């Protein structure tokens, strides 16, 4: 009989009186990450029955705008990379990477 393993990833959100995130901490059991602070978290989960993506987009009220722009840029690049791995659609992945370069240029992220 095959023994199945499970792993937990958790996010702890501390809210102010207006329910705005003040702090975010995440833990990933298998990676040895415990209660690591973060300023922003974007997460998508595929609902296969409804055929739609469910999202959690959180950032703390003290997340610097310049860091948010870099976070978006890096997230977009990661999505393009993941899209390529998941679909083997190299042409569309290249198009997505072109957009990432355009985004970085317009946000003045590249020196």
N, C-alpha and C. Protein backbone atom coordinates (compact mmCIF):
# COMPACT_ATOMS: atom_id res chain seq x y z
N UNK A 1 0.84 -1.18 0.00
CA UNK A 1 0.00 0.00 0.00
C UNK A 1 0.89 1.25 0.00
N UNK A 2 0.58 2.19 -0.86
CA UNK A 2 1.33 3.44 -0.93
C UNK A 2 0.87 4.39 0.17
N UNK A 3 1.85 4.92 0.88
CA UNK A 3 1.55 5.91 1.90
C UNK A 3 1.57 7.29 1.25
N UNK A 4 0.49 8.04 1.42
CA UNK A 4 0.41 9.38 0.85
C UNK A 4 0.92 10.39 1.86
N UNK A 5 1.67 11.35 1.36
CA UNK A 5 2.17 12.44 2.19
C UNK A 5 1.30 13.67 2.00
N UNK A 6 1.23 14.46 3.03
CA UNK A 6 0.55 15.75 2.93
C UNK A 6 1.51 16.83 3.44
N UNK A 7 1.24 18.04 3.04
CA UNK A 7 2.05 19.16 3.46
C UNK A 7 1.14 20.37 3.64
N UNK A 8 1.44 21.18 4.64
CA UNK A 8 0.63 22.37 4.89
C UNK A 8 1.38 23.63 4.54
N UNK A 9 0.67 24.54 3.89
CA UNK A 9 1.14 25.90 3.66
C UNK A 9 0.09 26.79 4.29
N UNK A 10 0.52 27.70 5.16
CA UNK A 10 -0.46 28.54 5.84
C UNK A 10 -0.08 30.01 5.75
N UNK A 11 -1.09 30.85 5.83
CA UNK A 11 -0.92 32.30 5.80
C UNK A 11 -1.66 32.87 7.00
N UNK A 12 -0.95 33.66 7.80
CA UNK A 12 -1.56 34.32 8.95
C UNK A 12 -1.65 35.81 8.63
N UNK A 13 -2.86 36.35 8.72
CA UNK A 13 -3.11 37.75 8.41
C UNK A 13 -3.58 38.46 9.67
N UNK A 14 -2.86 39.51 10.05
CA UNK A 14 -3.27 40.34 11.17
C UNK A 14 -3.91 41.61 10.60
N UNK A 15 -5.16 41.87 11.02
CA UNK A 15 -5.93 42.99 10.48
C UNK A 15 -6.06 44.11 11.49
N UNK A 16 -6.17 45.34 10.98
CA UNK A 16 -6.46 46.46 11.87
C UNK A 16 -7.96 46.53 12.11
N UNK A 17 -8.41 47.59 12.78
CA UNK A 17 -9.83 47.71 13.12
C UNK A 17 -10.73 47.86 11.89
N UNK A 18 -10.14 48.26 10.74
CA UNK A 18 -10.89 48.39 9.49
C UNK A 18 -10.72 47.18 8.57
N UNK A 19 -10.15 46.13 9.11
CA UNK A 19 -9.91 44.88 8.39
C UNK A 19 -8.93 45.04 7.23
N UNK A 20 -7.96 45.96 7.40
CA UNK A 20 -6.88 46.15 6.46
C UNK A 20 -5.67 45.37 7.00
N UNK A 21 -5.01 44.58 6.15
CA UNK A 21 -3.86 43.81 6.65
C UNK A 21 -2.74 44.69 7.22
N UNK A 22 -2.37 44.40 8.45
CA UNK A 22 -1.24 45.07 9.08
C UNK A 22 0.02 44.23 8.94
N UNK A 23 -0.15 42.92 9.01
CA UNK A 23 1.00 42.04 8.84
C UNK A 23 0.56 40.73 8.20
N UNK A 24 1.50 40.15 7.46
CA UNK A 24 1.30 38.85 6.81
C UNK A 24 2.48 37.96 7.19
N UNK A 25 2.18 36.73 7.55
CA UNK A 25 3.22 35.74 7.84
C UNK A 25 2.81 34.44 7.18
N UNK A 26 3.78 33.74 6.63
CA UNK A 26 3.47 32.47 5.99
C UNK A 26 4.41 31.39 6.47
N UNK A 27 3.91 30.17 6.40
CA UNK A 27 4.68 28.99 6.79
C UNK A 27 4.49 27.91 5.73
N UNK A 28 5.57 27.19 5.45
CA UNK A 28 5.53 26.07 4.51
C UNK A 28 6.28 24.91 5.17
N UNK A 29 5.52 23.97 5.63
CA UNK A 29 6.02 22.86 6.43
C UNK A 29 7.21 22.15 5.79
N UNK A 30 7.10 21.75 4.54
CA UNK A 30 8.16 20.98 3.88
C UNK A 30 9.40 21.79 3.53
N UNK A 31 9.26 23.11 3.48
CA UNK A 31 10.40 23.96 3.14
C UNK A 31 11.11 24.50 4.36
N UNK A 32 10.62 24.17 5.53
CA UNK A 32 11.24 24.65 6.76
C UNK A 32 10.99 26.13 7.02
N UNK A 33 9.97 26.69 6.36
CA UNK A 33 9.65 28.10 6.55
C UNK A 33 8.56 28.20 7.60
N UNK A 34 8.84 28.97 8.65
CA UNK A 34 7.87 29.09 9.73
C UNK A 34 7.67 30.55 10.10
N UNK A 35 6.45 31.00 9.94
CA UNK A 35 6.05 32.33 10.37
C UNK A 35 6.92 33.44 9.75
N UNK A 36 7.21 33.31 8.46
CA UNK A 36 8.05 34.29 7.76
C UNK A 36 7.21 35.50 7.36
N UNK A 37 7.69 36.71 7.71
CA UNK A 37 6.92 37.91 7.36
C UNK A 37 6.97 38.21 5.87
N UNK A 38 5.89 38.84 5.39
CA UNK A 38 5.80 39.27 4.01
C UNK A 38 4.97 40.54 3.96
N UNK A 39 5.15 41.33 2.92
CA UNK A 39 4.36 42.55 2.75
C UNK A 39 3.21 42.35 1.76
N UNK A 40 3.30 41.28 0.93
CA UNK A 40 2.25 41.04 -0.06
C UNK A 40 2.21 39.56 -0.43
N UNK A 41 1.01 39.11 -0.73
CA UNK A 41 0.79 37.72 -1.16
C UNK A 41 -0.29 37.73 -2.23
N UNK A 42 0.02 37.10 -3.36
CA UNK A 42 -0.98 36.85 -4.40
C UNK A 42 -1.09 35.34 -4.53
N UNK A 43 -2.30 34.83 -4.52
CA UNK A 43 -2.49 33.39 -4.64
C UNK A 43 -3.71 33.12 -5.50
N UNK A 44 -3.58 32.16 -6.41
CA UNK A 44 -4.70 31.74 -7.24
C UNK A 44 -4.94 30.25 -7.02
N UNK A 45 -6.20 29.90 -6.97
CA UNK A 45 -6.61 28.51 -6.81
C UNK A 45 -7.62 28.20 -7.91
N UNK A 46 -7.42 27.10 -8.62
CA UNK A 46 -8.33 26.72 -9.71
C UNK A 46 -9.50 25.94 -9.16
N UNK A 47 -10.71 26.45 -9.38
CA UNK A 47 -11.95 25.75 -9.05
C UNK A 47 -12.37 24.99 -10.31
N UNK A 48 -12.08 23.69 -10.34
CA UNK A 48 -12.32 22.91 -11.56
C UNK A 48 -13.81 22.71 -11.86
N UNK A 49 -14.64 22.77 -10.85
CA UNK A 49 -16.08 22.62 -11.11
C UNK A 49 -16.66 23.88 -11.74
N UNK A 50 -16.29 25.03 -11.21
CA UNK A 50 -16.80 26.30 -11.75
C UNK A 50 -15.97 26.78 -12.94
N UNK A 51 -14.82 26.13 -13.17
CA UNK A 51 -13.91 26.52 -14.27
C UNK A 51 -13.50 27.99 -14.15
N UNK A 52 -13.06 28.35 -12.93
CA UNK A 52 -12.62 29.72 -12.71
C UNK A 52 -11.52 29.76 -11.66
N UNK A 53 -10.71 30.81 -11.75
CA UNK A 53 -9.65 31.03 -10.78
C UNK A 53 -10.21 31.82 -9.60
N UNK A 54 -9.89 31.35 -8.42
CA UNK A 54 -10.24 32.07 -7.19
C UNK A 54 -8.95 32.72 -6.70
N UNK A 55 -9.03 33.95 -6.25
CA UNK A 55 -7.82 34.68 -5.90
C UNK A 55 -7.85 35.21 -4.48
N UNK A 56 -6.65 35.28 -3.93
CA UNK A 56 -6.43 36.00 -2.69
C UNK A 56 -5.30 36.97 -2.98
N UNK A 57 -5.59 38.25 -2.93
CA UNK A 57 -4.60 39.29 -3.15
C UNK A 57 -4.54 40.14 -1.89
N UNK A 58 -3.45 40.03 -1.17
CA UNK A 58 -3.31 40.76 0.09
C UNK A 58 -1.99 41.52 0.11
N UNK A 59 -2.02 42.72 0.66
CA UNK A 59 -0.79 43.45 0.91
C UNK A 59 -1.01 44.33 2.13
N UNK A 60 0.06 44.54 2.86
CA UNK A 60 -0.04 45.34 4.07
C UNK A 60 -0.10 46.82 3.71
N UNK A 61 -0.65 47.59 4.63
CA UNK A 61 -0.81 49.02 4.36
C UNK A 61 0.53 49.75 4.30
N UNK A 62 1.60 49.11 4.76
CA UNK A 62 2.92 49.75 4.68
C UNK A 62 3.79 49.17 3.55
N UNK A 63 3.15 48.45 2.60
CA UNK A 63 3.89 47.94 1.44
C UNK A 63 4.30 49.13 0.58
N UNK A 64 5.61 49.34 0.38
CA UNK A 64 6.06 50.47 -0.44
C UNK A 64 5.64 50.31 -1.91
N UNK A 65 5.24 51.42 -2.52
CA UNK A 65 4.77 51.40 -3.90
C UNK A 65 5.85 50.90 -4.86
N UNK A 66 7.09 51.31 -4.66
CA UNK A 66 8.16 50.85 -5.56
C UNK A 66 8.37 49.35 -5.44
N UNK A 67 8.23 48.80 -4.25
CA UNK A 67 8.35 47.35 -4.07
C UNK A 67 7.15 46.62 -4.68
N UNK A 68 5.96 47.23 -4.62
CA UNK A 68 4.77 46.62 -5.21
C UNK A 68 4.94 46.50 -6.72
N UNK A 69 5.53 47.51 -7.35
CA UNK A 69 5.76 47.46 -8.79
C UNK A 69 6.73 46.33 -9.14
N UNK A 70 7.78 46.16 -8.35
CA UNK A 70 8.74 45.08 -8.59
C UNK A 70 8.07 43.73 -8.34
N UNK A 71 7.24 43.65 -7.31
CA UNK A 71 6.51 42.41 -7.01
C UNK A 71 5.60 42.02 -8.17
N UNK A 72 4.89 42.97 -8.72
CA UNK A 72 4.05 42.70 -9.89
C UNK A 72 4.89 42.22 -11.07
N UNK A 73 5.98 42.91 -11.33
CA UNK A 73 6.86 42.53 -12.44
C UNK A 73 7.36 41.09 -12.27
N UNK A 74 7.87 40.79 -11.10
CA UNK A 74 8.40 39.44 -10.87
C UNK A 74 7.30 38.39 -10.94
N UNK A 75 6.10 38.73 -10.47
CA UNK A 75 4.97 37.81 -10.54
C UNK A 75 4.56 37.56 -11.98
N UNK A 76 4.51 38.62 -12.79
CA UNK A 76 4.18 38.47 -14.21
C UNK A 76 5.20 37.59 -14.92
N UNK A 77 6.49 37.79 -14.63
CA UNK A 77 7.54 36.95 -15.24
C UNK A 77 7.38 35.49 -14.81
N UNK A 78 7.09 35.29 -13.53
CA UNK A 78 6.89 33.93 -13.04
C UNK A 78 5.69 33.27 -13.70
N UNK A 79 4.62 34.03 -13.93
CA UNK A 79 3.45 33.49 -14.62
C UNK A 79 3.80 33.09 -16.05
N UNK A 80 4.59 33.90 -16.73
CA UNK A 80 5.01 33.57 -18.09
C UNK A 80 5.83 32.29 -18.09
N UNK A 81 6.75 32.16 -17.13
CA UNK A 81 7.57 30.94 -17.02
C UNK A 81 6.71 29.72 -16.73
N UNK A 82 5.79 29.87 -15.79
CA UNK A 82 4.91 28.75 -15.43
C UNK A 82 4.00 28.37 -16.58
N UNK A 83 3.50 29.37 -17.30
CA UNK A 83 2.66 29.10 -18.47
C UNK A 83 3.42 28.25 -19.47
N UNK A 84 4.69 28.59 -19.71
CA UNK A 84 5.50 27.83 -20.66
C UNK A 84 5.68 26.38 -20.19
N UNK A 85 6.00 26.20 -18.91
CA UNK A 85 6.18 24.84 -18.38
C UNK A 85 4.89 24.02 -18.44
N UNK A 86 3.76 24.68 -18.16
CA UNK A 86 2.49 23.97 -18.08
C UNK A 86 1.90 23.64 -19.45
N UNK A 87 2.21 24.47 -20.46
CA UNK A 87 1.54 24.31 -21.75
C UNK A 87 2.47 23.99 -22.91
N UNK A 88 3.77 24.20 -22.73
CA UNK A 88 4.75 24.09 -23.82
C UNK A 88 4.43 25.04 -24.97
N UNK A 89 3.72 26.10 -24.68
CA UNK A 89 3.39 27.11 -25.69
C UNK A 89 4.46 28.19 -25.64
N UNK A 90 5.55 27.94 -26.36
CA UNK A 90 6.71 28.82 -26.32
C UNK A 90 6.44 30.17 -26.96
N UNK A 91 5.62 30.17 -27.99
CA UNK A 91 5.32 31.42 -28.68
C UNK A 91 4.55 32.38 -27.77
N UNK A 92 3.52 31.89 -27.11
CA UNK A 92 2.75 32.76 -26.22
C UNK A 92 3.59 33.15 -25.00
N UNK A 93 4.40 32.24 -24.51
CA UNK A 93 5.28 32.57 -23.39
C UNK A 93 6.23 33.69 -23.77
N UNK A 94 6.76 33.65 -24.97
CA UNK A 94 7.65 34.72 -25.44
C UNK A 94 6.89 36.04 -25.52
N UNK A 95 5.65 35.99 -25.95
CA UNK A 95 4.82 37.20 -26.01
C UNK A 95 4.58 37.75 -24.60
N UNK A 96 4.34 36.85 -23.67
CA UNK A 96 4.14 37.27 -22.29
C UNK A 96 5.41 37.91 -21.73
N UNK A 97 6.56 37.32 -22.05
CA UNK A 97 7.83 37.90 -21.60
C UNK A 97 8.07 39.27 -22.23
N UNK A 98 7.67 39.44 -23.49
CA UNK A 98 7.77 40.75 -24.13
C UNK A 98 6.94 41.78 -23.37
N UNK A 99 5.74 41.38 -22.96
CA UNK A 99 4.91 42.29 -22.17
C UNK A 99 5.60 42.63 -20.85
N UNK A 100 6.22 41.64 -20.22
CA UNK A 100 6.93 41.88 -18.96
C UNK A 100 8.04 42.92 -19.16
N UNK A 101 8.75 42.81 -20.27
CA UNK A 101 9.79 43.79 -20.57
C UNK A 101 9.18 45.18 -20.76
N UNK A 102 8.06 45.25 -21.45
CA UNK A 102 7.34 46.51 -21.65
C UNK A 102 6.89 47.09 -20.31
N UNK A 103 6.33 46.24 -19.46
CA UNK A 103 5.88 46.64 -18.12
C UNK A 103 7.05 47.23 -17.34
N UNK A 104 8.17 46.52 -17.32
CA UNK A 104 9.35 46.99 -16.59
C UNK A 104 9.84 48.34 -17.11
N UNK A 105 9.80 48.49 -18.44
CA UNK A 105 10.22 49.76 -19.03
C UNK A 105 9.30 50.89 -18.60
N UNK A 106 7.99 50.69 -18.70
CA UNK A 106 7.03 51.73 -18.35
C UNK A 106 7.04 52.05 -16.86
N UNK A 107 7.34 51.06 -16.03
CA UNK A 107 7.40 51.28 -14.58
C UNK A 107 8.80 51.75 -14.16
N UNK A 108 9.68 51.89 -15.15
CA UNK A 108 11.07 52.31 -14.92
C UNK A 108 11.77 51.42 -13.89
N UNK A 109 11.61 50.10 -14.09
CA UNK A 109 12.22 49.11 -13.19
C UNK A 109 13.59 48.66 -13.66
N UNK A 110 13.84 48.79 -14.94
CA UNK A 110 15.13 48.35 -15.49
C UNK A 110 16.08 49.53 -15.57
N UNK A 111 17.26 49.32 -15.07
CA UNK A 111 18.27 50.37 -15.08
C UNK A 111 19.02 50.38 -16.39
